[in-house]
Amino acid sequence: MAIPRNDSGFTLVETLVAMLVVCIGAFALHGAVTMSARKITGSQEQFIASQRAAEAVESVFKARDNRVLTWAQIRNVLGATGADGGVFRDGARDVRDPGADGLVNTADDGAVAEVVKPGPDGLLGTADDIRQPLFGFTREIEIRDISQTLRQLRVIVRYRSSTGTGQYVLVTYVSSYA
């Protein structure tokens, strides 16, 4: 007795469902690759933002440790009370080089900070270096009292990149004891 064979194959509906599943997977993969590419291209700006935030924190600690400022001066100009009387300017400011006092985000800040890249010779520190101003980067230093001898220091660096805007926030604490 012969067993009947069914050679009919897939139906049109089954084929369309399979194509739909494959298309959804392809679109998901495309989205993941696109997002990864955006993260990679934005990483240089994020690195610069993290370094500029660390620079601001070091500036505050330097002022305290070297006694360039008194404890009362290590505050924002306006701050939380509107009259904190410190030297660090309130609000987001262009990222600039430190001024004569060696501190960032104060009244005597220098020119807009630059990133220096090697020129055509591939060597850093030669005459053909490329200087790129940090336009689109802002830095904000926010100093708030926690107690008589402890303050929270929050630095926010905002930046624009080819993928949009981003920000890097660094929070630490500074005490009156050097």
C-alpha atoms as a PDB file:
ATOM      1  CA  MET A   1       0.000   0.000   0.000  1.00  0.00           C
ATOM      2  CA  ALA A   2       1.433   3.330  -1.015  1.00  0.00           C
ATOM      3  CA  ILE A   3       1.596   6.299   1.422  1.00  0.00           C
ATOM      4  CA  PRO A   4       0.135   9.405  -0.140  1.00  0.00           C
ATOM      5  CA  ARG A   5       2.634  12.285  -0.593  1.00  0.00           C
ATOM      6  CA  ASN A   6       1.834  15.923  -0.140  1.00  0.00           C
ATOM      7  CA  ASP A   7       4.092  18.063  -2.373  1.00  0.00           C
ATOM      8  CA  SER A   8       2.089  21.242  -2.085  1.00  0.00           C
ATOM      9  CA  GLY A   9       4.844  23.298  -0.254  1.00  0.00           C
ATOM     10  CA  PHE A  10       4.245  26.572   1.551  1.00  0.00           C
ATOM     11  CA  THR A  11       1.117  28.604   1.093  1.00  0.00           C
ATOM     12  CA  LEU A  12       1.228  32.225   0.031  1.00  0.00           C
ATOM     13  CA  VAL A  13       0.158  33.361   3.529  1.00  0.00           C
ATOM     14  CA  GLU A  14       2.986  31.408   5.199  1.00  0.00           C
ATOM     15  CA  THR A  15       5.506  32.912   2.811  1.00  0.00           C
ATOM     16  CA  LEU A  16       4.264  36.470   3.469  1.00  0.00           C
ATOM     17  CA  VAL A  17       4.398  35.940   7.249  1.00  0.00           C
ATOM     18  CA  ALA A  18       7.974  34.639   6.984  1.00  0.00           C
ATOM     19  CA  MET A  19       8.960  37.675   4.862  1.00  0.00           C
ATOM     20  CA  LEU A  20       7.382  39.999   7.433  1.00  0.00           C
ATOM     21  CA  VAL A  21       9.384  38.403  10.259  1.00  0.00           C
ATOM     22  CA  VAL A  22      12.626  38.726   8.271  1.00  0.00           C
ATOM     23  CA  CYS A  23      11.883  42.405   7.457  1.00  0.00           C
ATOM     24  CA  ILE A  24      11.190  43.254  11.108  1.00  0.00           C
ATOM     25  CA  GLY A  25      14.497  41.627  12.093  1.00  0.00           C
ATOM     26  CA  ALA A  26      16.365  43.540   9.377  1.00  0.00           C
ATOM     27  CA  PHE A  27      14.868  46.871  10.485  1.00  0.00           C
ATOM     28  CA  ALA A  28      15.765  46.146  14.127  1.00  0.00           C
ATOM     29  CA  LEU A  29      19.340  45.349  13.121  1.00  0.00           C
ATOM     30  CA  HIS A  30      19.515  48.535  11.043  1.00  0.00           C
ATOM     31  CA  GLY A  31      18.351  50.592  14.035  1.00  0.00           C
ATOM     32  CA  ALA A  32      20.930  48.997  16.323  1.00  0.00           C
ATOM     33  CA  VAL A  33      23.769  49.654  13.872  1.00  0.00           C
ATOM     34  CA  THR A  34      22.636  53.274  13.410  1.00  0.00           C
ATOM     35  CA  MET A  35      22.508  53.877  17.170  1.00  0.00           C
ATOM     36  CA  SER A  36      25.957  52.346  17.632  1.00  0.00           C
ATOM     37  CA  ALA A  37      27.396  54.580  14.931  1.00  0.00           C
ATOM     38  CA  ARG A  38      25.921  57.640  16.647  1.00  0.00           C
ATOM     39  CA  LYS A  39      27.433  56.632  19.980  1.00  0.00           C
ATOM     40  CA  ILE A  40      30.844  56.147  18.411  1.00  0.00           C
ATOM     41  CA  THR A  41      30.859  59.529  16.656  1.00  0.00           C
ATOM     42  CA  GLY A  42      29.650  61.307  19.802  1.00  0.00           C
ATOM     43  CA  SER A  43      32.311  59.774  22.006  1.00  0.00           C
ATOM     44  CA  GLN A  44      34.954  62.433  21.258  1.00  0.00           C
ATOM     45  CA  GLU A  45      32.655  65.252  22.373  1.00  0.00           C
ATOM     46  CA  GLN A  46      31.707  63.298  25.490  1.00  0.00           C
ATOM     47  CA  PHE A  47      35.380  62.737  26.311  1.00  0.00           C
ATOM     48  CA  ILE A  48      36.137  66.450  25.914  1.00  0.00           C
ATOM     49  CA  ALA A  49      33.126  67.287  28.126  1.00  0.00           C
ATOM     50  CA  SER A  50      34.333  64.922  30.858  1.00  0.00           C
ATOM     51  CA  GLN A  51      37.812  66.462  30.797  1.00  0.00           C
ATOM     52  CA  ARG A  52      36.452  70.003  30.973  1.00  0.00           C
ATOM     53  CA  ALA A  53      34.249  69.036  33.936  1.00  0.00           C
ATOM     54  CA  ALA A  54      37.252  67.534  35.718  1.00  0.00           C
ATOM     55  CA  GLU A  55      39.197  70.736  34.975  1.00  0.00           C
ATOM     56  CA  ALA A  56      36.520  72.754  36.760  1.00  0.00           C
ATOM     57  CA  VAL A  57      36.573  70.489  39.824  1.00  0.00           C
ATOM     58  CA  GLU A  58      40.359  70.718  39.964  1.00  0.00           C
ATOM     59  CA  SER A  59      40.056  74.495  39.725  1.00  0.00           C
ATOM     60  CA  VAL A  60      37.878  74.629  42.844  1.00  0.00           C
ATOM     61  CA  PHE A  61      40.135  72.279  44.819  1.00  0.00           C
ATOM     62  CA  LYS A  62      43.197  74.251  43.716  1.00  0.00           C
ATOM     63  CA  ALA A  63      41.644  77.472  44.987  1.00  0.00           C
ATOM     64  CA  ARG A  64      40.959  75.843  48.357  1.00  0.00           C
ATOM     65  CA  ASP A  65      44.281  74.026  48.723  1.00  0.00           C
ATOM     66  CA  ASN A  66      46.481  76.967  47.701  1.00  0.00           C
ATOM     67  CA  ARG A  67      44.426  79.396  49.765  1.00  0.00           C
ATOM     68  CA  VAL A  68      43.874  81.549  46.680  1.00  0.00           C
ATOM     69  CA  LEU A  69      40.310  81.973  47.940  1.00  0.00           C
ATOM     70  CA  THR A  70      38.783  81.936  51.380  1.00  0.00           C
ATOM     71  CA  TRP A  71      36.134  79.327  52.227  1.00  0.00           C
ATOM     72  CA  ALA A  72      33.468  82.050  51.938  1.00  0.00           C
ATOM     73  CA  GLN A  73      34.570  82.832  48.366  1.00  0.00           C
ATOM     74  CA  ILE A  74      34.268  79.219  47.170  1.00  0.00           C
ATOM     75  CA  ARG A  75      30.675  79.719  46.105  1.00  0.00           C
ATOM     76  CA  ASN A  76      28.694  81.019  43.170  1.00  0.00           C
ATOM     77  CA  VAL A  77      28.280  84.768  42.791  1.00  0.00           C
ATOM     78  CA  LEU A  78      24.496  84.540  43.253  1.00  0.00           C
ATOM     79  CA  GLY A  79      24.016  80.892  44.203  1.00  0.00           C
ATOM     80  CA  ALA A  80      20.964  79.507  45.960  1.00  0.00           C
ATOM     81  CA  THR A  81      20.358  82.591  48.081  1.00  0.00           C
ATOM     82  CA  GLY A  82      20.817  85.126  45.298  1.00  0.00           C
ATOM     83  CA  ALA A  83      23.721  86.693  47.181  1.00  0.00           C
ATOM     84  CA  ASP A  84      26.192  83.919  48.022  1.00  0.00           C
ATOM     85  CA  GLY A  85      29.098  86.286  47.310  1.00  0.00           C
ATOM     86  CA  GLY A  86      31.467  83.747  45.763  1.00  0.00           C
ATOM     87  CA  VAL A  87      33.674  84.082  42.695  1.00  0.00           C
ATOM     88  CA  PHE A  88      32.288  81.327  40.443  1.00  0.00           C
ATOM     89  CA  ARG A  89      29.844  82.697  37.893  1.00  0.00           C
ATOM     90  CA  ASP A  90      26.310  81.339  37.839  1.00  0.00           C
ATOM     91  CA  GLY A  91      24.726  79.674  34.827  1.00  0.00           C
ATOM     92  CA  ALA A  92      26.099  78.015  31.733  1.00  0.00           C
ATOM     93  CA  ARG A  93      29.115  79.790  30.223  1.00  0.00           C
ATOM     94  CA  ASP A  94      31.220  79.108  27.155  1.00  0.00           C
ATOM     95  CA  VAL A  95      34.105  76.789  28.010  1.00  0.00           C
ATOM     96  CA  ARG A  96      37.052  79.156  28.311  1.00  0.00           C
ATOM     97  CA  ASP A  97      40.650  78.895  29.434  1.00  0.00           C
ATOM     98  CA  PRO A  98      41.374  79.980  33.016  1.00  0.00           C
ATOM     99  CA  GLY A  99      42.217  83.620  33.558  1.00  0.00           C
ATOM    100  CA  ALA A 100      45.005  85.186  35.626  1.00  0.00           C
ATOM    101  CA  ASP A 101      43.626  83.662  38.838  1.00  0.00           C
ATOM    102  CA  GLY A 102      43.976  80.153  37.379  1.00  0.00           C
ATOM    103  CA  LEU A 103      40.290  79.395  37.979  1.00  0.00           C
ATOM    104  CA  VAL A 104      37.597  78.576  35.425  1.00  0.00           C
ATOM    105  CA  ASN A 105      34.130  80.149  35.263  1.00  0.00           C
ATOM    106  CA  THR A 106      35.249  83.318  37.040  1.00  0.00           C
ATOM    107  CA  ALA A 107      35.115  86.921  35.870  1.00  0.00           C
ATOM    108  CA  ASP A 108      38.645  86.955  34.398  1.00  0.00           C
ATOM    109  CA  ASP A 109      38.411  83.885  32.140  1.00  0.00           C
ATOM    110  CA  GLY A 110      40.468  83.874  28.959  1.00  0.00           C
ATOM    111  CA  ALA A 111      39.598  83.033  25.368  1.00  0.00           C
ATOM    112  CA  VAL A 112      37.336  80.202  24.239  1.00  0.00           C
ATOM    113  CA  ALA A 113      39.179  76.952  24.919  1.00  0.00           C
ATOM    114  CA  GLU A 114      40.660  75.012  22.003  1.00  0.00           C
ATOM    115  CA  VAL A 115      41.423  71.430  21.122  1.00  0.00           C
ATOM    116  CA  VAL A 116      44.810  71.067  19.463  1.00  0.00           C
ATOM    117  CA  LYS A 117      45.189  68.234  16.954  1.00  0.00           C
ATOM    118  CA  PRO A 118      48.258  67.152  15.002  1.00  0.00           C
ATOM    119  CA  GLY A 119      48.588  68.655  11.543  1.00  0.00           C
ATOM    120  CA  PRO A 120      49.583  66.984   8.264  1.00  0.00           C
ATOM    121  CA  ASP A 121      52.936  65.839   9.669  1.00  0.00           C
ATOM    122  CA  GLY A 122      51.098  63.747  12.292  1.00  0.00           C
ATOM    123  CA  LEU A 123      53.103  65.265  15.173  1.00  0.00           C
ATOM    124  CA  LEU A 124      51.627  67.273  18.010  1.00  0.00           C
ATOM    125  CA  GLY A 125      53.501  70.407  19.071  1.00  0.00           C
ATOM    126  CA  THR A 126      54.724  71.489  15.647  1.00  0.00           C
ATOM    127  CA  ALA A 127      53.883  74.571  13.610  1.00  0.00           C
ATOM    128  CA  ASP A 128      51.249  72.813  11.488  1.00  0.00           C
ATOM    129  CA  ASP A 129      49.004  71.789  14.414  1.00  0.00           C
ATOM    130  CA  ILE A 130      45.285  72.358  13.938  1.00  0.00           C
ATOM    131  CA  ARG A 131      43.554  74.468  16.594  1.00  0.00           C
ATOM    132  CA  GLN A 132      39.822  73.887  16.898  1.00  0.00           C
ATOM    133  CA  PRO A 133      37.854  76.204  19.227  1.00  0.00           C
ATOM    134  CA  LEU A 134      35.303  74.495  21.478  1.00  0.00           C
ATOM    135  CA  PHE A 135      32.255  76.280  20.106  1.00  0.00           C
ATOM    136  CA  GLY A 136      29.029  74.649  21.236  1.00  0.00           C
ATOM    137  CA  PHE A 137      30.438  73.634  24.649  1.00  0.00           C
ATOM    138  CA  THR A 138      29.159  75.304  27.820  1.00  0.00           C
ATOM    139  CA  ARG A 139      30.143  74.686  31.425  1.00  0.00           C
ATOM    140  CA  GLU A 140      28.197  75.469  34.574  1.00  0.00           C
ATOM    141  CA  ILE A 141      29.592  75.281  38.106  1.00  0.00           C
ATOM    142  CA  GLU A 142      26.985  74.981  40.843  1.00  0.00           C
ATOM    143  CA  ILE A 143      28.157  75.119  44.474  1.00  0.00           C
ATOM    144  CA  ARG A 144      25.600  74.498  47.252  1.00  0.00           C
ATOM    145  CA  ASP A 145      26.060  74.366  51.021  1.00  0.00           C
ATOM    146  CA  ILE A 146      25.510  71.003  52.688  1.00  0.00           C
ATOM    147  CA  SER A 147      26.810  72.104  56.114  1.00  0.00           C
ATOM    148  CA  GLN A 148      29.129  74.744  57.579  1.00  0.00           C
ATOM    149  CA  THR A 149      32.203  72.874  56.339  1.00  0.00           C
ATOM    150  CA  LEU A 150      30.877  70.893  53.356  1.00  0.00           C
ATOM    151  CA  ARG A 151      29.578  71.934  49.938  1.00  0.00           C
ATOM    152  CA  GLN A 152      28.285  70.028  46.945  1.00  0.00           C
ATOM    153  CA  LEU A 153      30.081  70.872  43.716  1.00  0.00           C
ATOM    154  CA  ARG A 154      28.161  70.081  40.541  1.00  0.00           C
ATOM    155  CA  VAL A 155      29.672  70.719  37.106  1.00  0.00           C
ATOM    156  CA  ILE A 156      27.490  70.426  34.003  1.00  0.00           C
ATOM    157  CA  VAL A 157      29.122  70.509  30.577  1.00  0.00           C
ATOM    158  CA  ARG A 158      26.714  70.679  27.648  1.00  0.00           C
ATOM    159  CA  TYR A 159      27.847  70.085  24.095  1.00  0.00           C
ATOM    160  CA  ARG A 160      26.602  69.821  20.526  1.00  0.00           C
ATOM    161  CA  SER A 161      27.682  67.034  18.256  1.00  0.00           C
ATOM    162  CA  SER A 162      26.690  65.665  14.886  1.00  0.00           C
ATOM    163  CA  THR A 163      24.112  63.469  16.627  1.00  0.00           C
ATOM    164  CA  GLY A 164      22.446  66.246  18.644  1.00  0.00           C
ATOM    165  CA  THR A 165      23.086  67.667  22.092  1.00  0.00           C
ATOM    166  CA  GLY A 166      24.447  65.959  25.163  1.00  0.00           C
ATOM    167  CA  GLN A 167      25.609  66.749  28.630  1.00  0.00           C
ATOM    168  CA  TYR A 168      28.104  65.433  31.141  1.00  0.00           C
ATOM    169  CA  VAL A 169      27.453  65.977  34.853  1.00  0.00           C
ATOM    170  CA  LEU A 170      30.132  65.569  37.514  1.00  0.00           C
ATOM    171  CA  VAL A 171      29.125  65.779  41.180  1.00  0.00           C
ATOM    172  CA  THR A 172      31.573  65.844  44.079  1.00  0.00           C
ATOM    173  CA  TYR A 173      31.951  67.433  47.492  1.00  0.00           C
ATOM    174  CA  VAL A 174      34.440  69.963  48.785  1.00  0.00           C
ATOM    175  CA  SER A 175      35.187  70.582  52.444  1.00  0.00           C
ATOM    176  CA  SER A 176      36.728  73.579  54.133  1.00  0.00           C
ATOM    177  CA  TYR A 177      39.649  71.450  55.287  1.00  0.00           C
ATOM    178  CA  ALA A 178      42.646  71.501  52.968  1.00  0.00           C
END
